[in-house]
């Protein structure tokens, strides 16, 4: 992977990678450049067979403070637009059209997080607000540090309270009524409440957060590589399956595809030999 300026990407052993939002002096607030760098990374990961689990986190004391409002407020100033002239939609002269494409481009990050085959573990400490709150919902698993705080702050800016998939993911995670209350009030949800209502899987001390995320990632990469990818794909599709028959068809498809590989033989052999399976990396 190439070097980025606003995100930090690191590949660990055994198919685990970490991407960190890397503007700690600005609480990792999102800029156009950060959004584009995440797009570039996700596009590459979609076809990367070596990376099997991705951990998403933030450098410093925050996951992310959301959109960088300083940039947002000046986004149409000539000197700001000049910085992004390589981005096609920034060349559109009509402000409304430019705003539309910027919004669509931003929201597509949530879609790509679901489309890439790697399960995503969000390791969250400090504030995760606005855009960052919405994107954290698109992860497969959320682990929170004790300092984590979630907030739908976009609703405090004179905009709609529904943004970047939060109205899709949040009711499915915590239930319709509770999600509506969190979205409408734009209040903070502290780490302990987030665990209690199912917004995050667990809460750990901040200094143990990455250890916990990596330990979870190691559990996932111990599974069959193809099986892991097909599992995420099936969960994505069955999230909105219209009936049980459709869900079963997707599950059957995944199982039959895996049966055509050598992975089940290794898994069954390891079970009887009382050892961890050793699957081929690809």
Protein backbone atom coordinates (compact mmCIF):
# COMPACT_ATOMS: atom_id res chain seq x y z
CA UNK A 1 0.00 0.00 0.00
CA UNK A 2 1.17 3.51 -0.74
CA UNK A 3 1.92 6.06 1.95
CA UNK A 4 -1.02 8.23 2.97
CA UNK A 5 -1.05 11.62 4.66
CA UNK A 6 -4.27 11.56 6.70
CA UNK A 7 -4.53 7.85 7.47
CA UNK A 8 -1.94 5.39 8.68
CA UNK A 9 -1.95 1.84 7.31
CA UNK A 10 0.00 -1.05 8.80
CA UNK A 11 -0.02 -4.75 7.97
CA UNK A 12 0.62 -7.10 10.87
CA UNK A 13 1.35 -10.80 10.66
CA UNK A 14 -1.24 -13.44 9.81
CA UNK A 15 -3.43 -11.30 7.55
CA UNK A 16 -4.34 -8.58 10.06
CA UNK A 17 -4.11 -4.92 9.06
CA UNK A 18 -4.73 -1.69 10.96
CA UNK A 19 -5.91 1.58 9.43
CA UNK A 20 -5.78 4.60 11.73
CA UNK A 21 -7.36 7.98 11.13
CA UNK A 22 -4.24 10.12 11.45
CA UNK A 23 -5.00 13.75 12.26
CA UNK A 24 -4.61 13.54 16.05
CA UNK A 25 -4.07 17.30 16.45
CA UNK A 26 -7.54 17.79 14.92
CA UNK A 27 -9.13 14.82 16.75
CA UNK A 28 -8.97 12.94 13.43
CA UNK A 29 -11.65 15.11 11.87
CA UNK A 30 -12.49 14.07 8.31
CA UNK A 31 -11.29 16.15 5.38
CA UNK A 32 -11.84 15.54 1.68
CA UNK A 33 -8.31 14.18 1.51
CA UNK A 34 -8.98 11.67 4.30
CA UNK A 35 -12.19 10.55 2.62
CA UNK A 36 -10.39 10.04 -0.68
CA UNK A 37 -7.52 8.17 0.97
CA UNK A 38 -9.98 5.81 2.65
CA UNK A 39 -11.65 5.24 -0.72
CA UNK A 40 -8.29 4.37 -2.22
CA UNK A 41 -7.48 1.97 0.60
CA UNK A 42 -10.85 0.19 0.46
CA UNK A 43 -10.60 -0.14 -3.31
CA UNK A 44 -7.26 -1.91 -2.89
CA UNK A 45 -8.44 -4.12 -0.04
CA UNK A 46 -11.38 -5.41 -2.08
CA UNK A 47 -8.97 -7.58 -4.09
CA UNK A 48 -6.25 -8.14 -1.48
CA UNK A 49 -6.27 -11.84 -0.60
CA UNK A 50 -3.49 -11.48 1.96
CA UNK A 51 -5.38 -9.09 4.25
CA UNK A 52 -8.15 -11.02 5.98
CA UNK A 53 -9.22 -8.75 8.87
CA UNK A 54 -9.08 -4.94 9.12
CA UNK A 55 -8.96 -2.96 12.35
CA UNK A 56 -10.20 0.65 12.08
CA UNK A 57 -9.12 3.08 14.80
CA UNK A 58 -7.94 6.63 15.42
CA UNK A 59 -4.58 8.04 16.42
CA UNK A 60 -4.31 10.00 19.65
CA UNK A 61 -7.15 10.46 22.13
CA UNK A 62 -10.09 10.29 19.74
CA UNK A 63 -11.61 7.96 17.20
CA UNK A 64 -12.81 11.01 15.27
CA UNK A 65 -14.57 14.31 15.91
CA UNK A 66 -16.47 13.91 12.63
CA UNK A 67 -16.29 16.26 9.67
CA UNK A 68 -13.66 19.01 9.82
CA UNK A 69 -15.96 22.02 10.01
CA UNK A 70 -13.14 24.47 9.37
CA UNK A 71 -12.61 22.90 5.96
CA UNK A 72 -16.33 22.46 5.39
CA UNK A 73 -17.01 26.14 6.08
CA UNK A 74 -14.35 27.20 3.57
CA UNK A 75 -14.81 24.37 1.08
CA UNK A 76 -15.89 26.64 -1.76
CA UNK A 77 -13.16 29.23 -1.28
CA UNK A 78 -10.90 29.26 -4.36
CA UNK A 79 -7.77 28.38 -2.41
CA UNK A 80 -9.43 25.32 -0.88
CA UNK A 81 -10.83 24.11 -4.18
CA UNK A 82 -7.40 24.49 -5.75
CA UNK A 83 -6.04 21.94 -3.28
CA UNK A 84 -8.50 19.35 -4.58
CA UNK A 85 -8.60 20.10 -8.30
CA UNK A 86 -7.59 16.48 -8.98
CA UNK A 87 -10.94 15.34 -7.57
CA UNK A 88 -13.47 15.41 -10.40
CA UNK A 89 -16.52 16.70 -8.55
CA UNK A 90 -14.55 19.69 -7.22
CA UNK A 91 -14.41 21.01 -10.79
CA UNK A 92 -18.21 21.28 -11.03
CA UNK A 93 -19.07 25.00 -11.08
CA UNK A 94 -22.58 24.73 -9.64
CA UNK A 95 -22.44 24.69 -5.84
CA UNK A 96 -25.52 22.48 -5.39
CA UNK A 97 -24.16 19.81 -7.74
CA UNK A 98 -20.77 19.91 -6.04
CA UNK A 99 -22.43 19.49 -2.64
CA UNK A 100 -24.43 16.54 -3.94
CA UNK A 101 -21.43 14.68 -5.28
CA UNK A 102 -19.41 15.41 -2.13
CA UNK A 103 -22.22 13.95 -0.02
CA UNK A 104 -22.55 10.87 -2.21
CA UNK A 105 -18.80 10.30 -2.21
CA UNK A 106 -18.71 10.51 1.56
CA UNK A 107 -21.65 8.18 2.07
CA UNK A 108 -20.12 5.57 -0.25
CA UNK A 109 -17.47 4.88 2.41
CA UNK A 110 -20.11 3.06 4.47
CA UNK A 111 -21.05 0.98 1.42
CA UNK A 112 -17.43 0.07 0.72
CA UNK A 113 -16.91 -0.96 4.35
CA UNK A 114 -19.64 -3.54 3.83
CA UNK A 115 -18.45 -4.54 0.34
CA UNK A 116 -14.82 -5.31 1.11
CA UNK A 117 -14.40 -8.98 2.06
CA UNK A 118 -12.43 -8.31 5.25
CA UNK A 119 -14.45 -8.14 8.49
CA UNK A 120 -13.84 -4.73 10.06
CA UNK A 121 -13.24 -4.33 13.78
CA UNK A 122 -13.68 -0.73 14.93
CA UNK A 123 -11.52 0.02 17.98
CA UNK A 124 -12.99 3.21 19.44
CA UNK A 125 -11.75 5.48 22.18
CA UNK A 126 -12.72 9.06 22.88
CA UNK A 127 -15.35 10.78 20.74
CA UNK A 128 -16.88 9.10 17.70
CA UNK A 129 -19.31 11.74 16.53
CA UNK A 130 -21.10 12.79 13.39
CA UNK A 131 -19.60 11.13 10.35
CA UNK A 132 -17.33 9.02 12.56
CA UNK A 133 -20.32 7.74 14.54
CA UNK A 134 -22.07 6.77 11.31
CA UNK A 135 -19.01 4.98 9.89
CA UNK A 136 -18.42 3.09 13.13
CA UNK A 137 -21.88 1.58 12.68
CA UNK A 138 -20.80 0.12 9.32
CA UNK A 139 -18.07 -1.96 10.96
CA UNK A 140 -18.70 -5.64 11.66
CA UNK A 141 -17.60 -5.47 15.30
CA UNK A 142 -17.19 -2.48 17.62
CA UNK A 143 -14.94 -2.58 20.67
CA UNK A 144 -14.91 0.52 22.87
CA UNK A 145 -12.37 1.95 25.24
CA UNK A 146 -13.75 3.33 28.49
CA UNK A 147 -13.43 6.88 27.14
CA UNK A 148 -15.54 6.19 24.03
CA UNK A 149 -18.48 8.54 23.41
CA UNK A 150 -20.89 8.33 20.50
CA UNK A 151 -23.01 11.19 19.18
CA UNK A 152 -25.15 11.93 16.14
CA UNK A 153 -23.82 15.49 16.09
CA UNK A 154 -24.76 16.17 12.45
CA UNK A 155 -28.28 16.97 13.72
CA UNK A 156 -26.86 19.92 15.65
CA UNK A 157 -25.64 21.66 12.49
CA UNK A 158 -28.96 22.57 10.88
CA UNK A 159 -28.86 19.42 8.75
CA UNK A 160 -30.88 16.23 8.70
CA UNK A 161 -30.13 13.81 11.51
CA UNK A 162 -29.87 10.88 9.12
CA UNK A 163 -26.52 10.59 7.41
CA UNK A 164 -24.05 8.04 5.97
CA UNK A 165 -26.22 5.05 6.79
CA UNK A 166 -26.95 5.77 10.45
CA UNK A 167 -30.71 5.41 9.91
CA UNK A 168 -30.05 1.99 8.36
CA UNK A 169 -27.53 0.51 10.79
CA UNK A 170 -28.51 1.95 14.16
CA UNK A 171 -32.10 0.57 14.36
CA UNK A 172 -30.76 -2.86 13.44
CA UNK A 173 -28.17 -2.68 16.20
CA UNK A 174 -30.13 -1.23 19.10
CA UNK A 175 -33.79 -1.37 18.07
CA UNK A 176 -36.11 1.12 16.41
CA UNK A 177 -37.24 3.21 19.39
CA UNK A 178 -33.84 3.50 21.03
CA UNK A 179 -32.21 4.38 17.69
CA UNK A 180 -34.81 7.08 17.04
CA UNK A 181 -34.15 8.61 20.46
CA UNK A 182 -30.37 8.64 19.92
CA UNK A 183 -30.71 10.15 16.44
CA UNK A 184 -33.36 12.75 17.33
CA UNK A 185 -31.80 14.01 20.57
CA UNK A 186 -28.19 13.99 19.30
CA UNK A 187 -27.10 13.23 22.86
CA UNK A 188 -23.89 11.47 23.85
CA UNK A 189 -23.98 7.72 24.36
CA UNK A 190 -21.19 6.84 26.77
CA UNK A 191 -19.21 3.60 26.53
CA UNK A 192 -21.03 1.71 29.27
CA UNK A 193 -24.46 2.51 27.84
CA UNK A 194 -23.23 1.59 24.37
CA UNK A 195 -22.29 -1.86 25.66
CA UNK A 196 -25.57 -2.27 27.53
CA UNK A 197 -27.74 -1.50 24.48
CA UNK A 198 -25.65 -3.55 22.05
CA UNK A 199 -24.03 -0.69 20.17
CA UNK A 200 -20.60 -2.14 20.99
CA UNK A 201 -19.56 -5.71 21.77
CA UNK A 202 -17.52 -4.85 24.85
CA UNK A 203 -15.80 -2.07 26.78
CA UNK A 204 -12.17 -2.35 27.88
CA UNK A 205 -9.65 0.08 29.42
CA UNK A 206 -8.28 2.48 26.83
CA UNK A 207 -4.75 1.10 27.21
CA UNK A 208 -6.02 -2.40 26.42
CA UNK A 209 -8.14 -1.43 23.43
CA UNK A 210 -5.75 -2.37 20.63
CA UNK A 211 -4.72 -5.56 22.42
CA UNK A 212 -8.38 -6.56 22.56
CA UNK A 213 -8.97 -5.67 18.91
CA UNK A 214 -5.92 -7.64 17.77
CA UNK A 215 -6.94 -10.61 19.93
CA UNK A 216 -10.37 -10.56 18.27
CA UNK A 217 -8.77 -10.29 14.83
CA UNK A 218 -6.60 -13.33 15.57
CA UNK A 219 -9.72 -15.35 16.36
CA UNK A 220 -11.17 -14.39 12.98
CA UNK A 221 -8.04 -15.09 10.91
CA UNK A 222 -7.84 -18.57 12.41
CA UNK A 223 -10.90 -19.42 10.30
CA UNK A 224 -10.82 -20.59 6.69
CA UNK A 225 -9.92 -17.56 4.52
CA UNK A 226 -12.59 -18.31 1.93
CA UNK A 227 -15.07 -19.26 4.62
CA UNK A 228 -14.50 -15.93 6.38
CA UNK A 229 -15.09 -13.96 3.19
CA UNK A 230 -18.23 -15.89 2.31
CA UNK A 231 -19.52 -15.49 5.85
CA UNK A 232 -19.31 -11.69 5.64
CA UNK A 233 -20.92 -11.77 2.19
CA UNK A 234 -23.79 -13.93 3.46
CA UNK A 235 -24.35 -11.78 6.54
CA UNK A 236 -24.51 -8.70 4.31
CA UNK A 237 -27.13 -10.22 2.02
CA UNK A 238 -29.16 -11.92 4.75
CA UNK A 239 -29.26 -8.67 6.73
CA UNK A 240 -32.22 -7.82 4.51
CA UNK A 241 -33.34 -11.28 3.41
CA UNK A 242 -37.08 -11.17 2.68
CA UNK A 243 -37.66 -14.65 4.07
CA UNK A 244 -36.02 -17.71 5.58
CA UNK A 245 -35.81 -19.46 2.21
CA UNK A 246 -33.60 -16.69 0.82
CA UNK A 247 -31.34 -16.74 3.87
CA UNK A 248 -30.96 -20.53 3.69
CA UNK A 249 -30.14 -20.36 -0.01
CA UNK A 250 -27.27 -17.92 0.67
CA UNK A 251 -25.96 -20.07 3.53
CA UNK A 252 -26.16 -23.22 1.40
CA UNK A 253 -24.28 -21.46 -1.40
CA UNK A 254 -21.47 -20.49 0.97
CA UNK A 255 -21.20 -24.02 2.40
CA UNK A 256 -21.12 -25.74 -0.99
CA UNK A 257 -18.44 -23.38 -2.30
CA UNK A 258 -16.29 -24.08 0.75
CA UNK A 259 -16.80 -27.84 0.33
CA UNK A 260 -15.06 -27.58 -3.01
CA UNK A 261 -11.80 -26.52 -1.33
CA UNK A 262 -9.29 -28.35 0.89
CA UNK A 263 -10.20 -26.24 3.93
CA UNK A 264 -12.92 -28.56 5.33
CA UNK A 265 -10.51 -31.52 5.26
CA UNK A 266 -7.98 -29.52 7.28
CA UNK A 267 -10.65 -28.26 9.67
CA UNK A 268 -12.03 -31.73 10.36
CA UNK A 269 -8.56 -33.26 10.69
CA UNK A 270 -7.54 -30.55 13.16
CA UNK A 271 -10.72 -31.17 15.17
CA UNK A 272 -9.95 -34.86 15.63
CA UNK A 273 -6.27 -34.18 16.29
CA UNK A 274 -7.25 -31.58 18.92
CA UNK A 275 -5.15 -28.80 17.38
CA UNK A 276 -5.74 -25.47 15.67
CA UNK A 277 -6.29 -25.80 11.89
CA UNK A 278 -3.61 -24.52 9.55
CA UNK A 279 -5.39 -23.18 6.52
CA UNK A 280 -3.59 -21.95 3.40
CA UNK A 281 -3.42 -18.16 3.38
CA UNK A 282 -5.45 -18.02 0.16
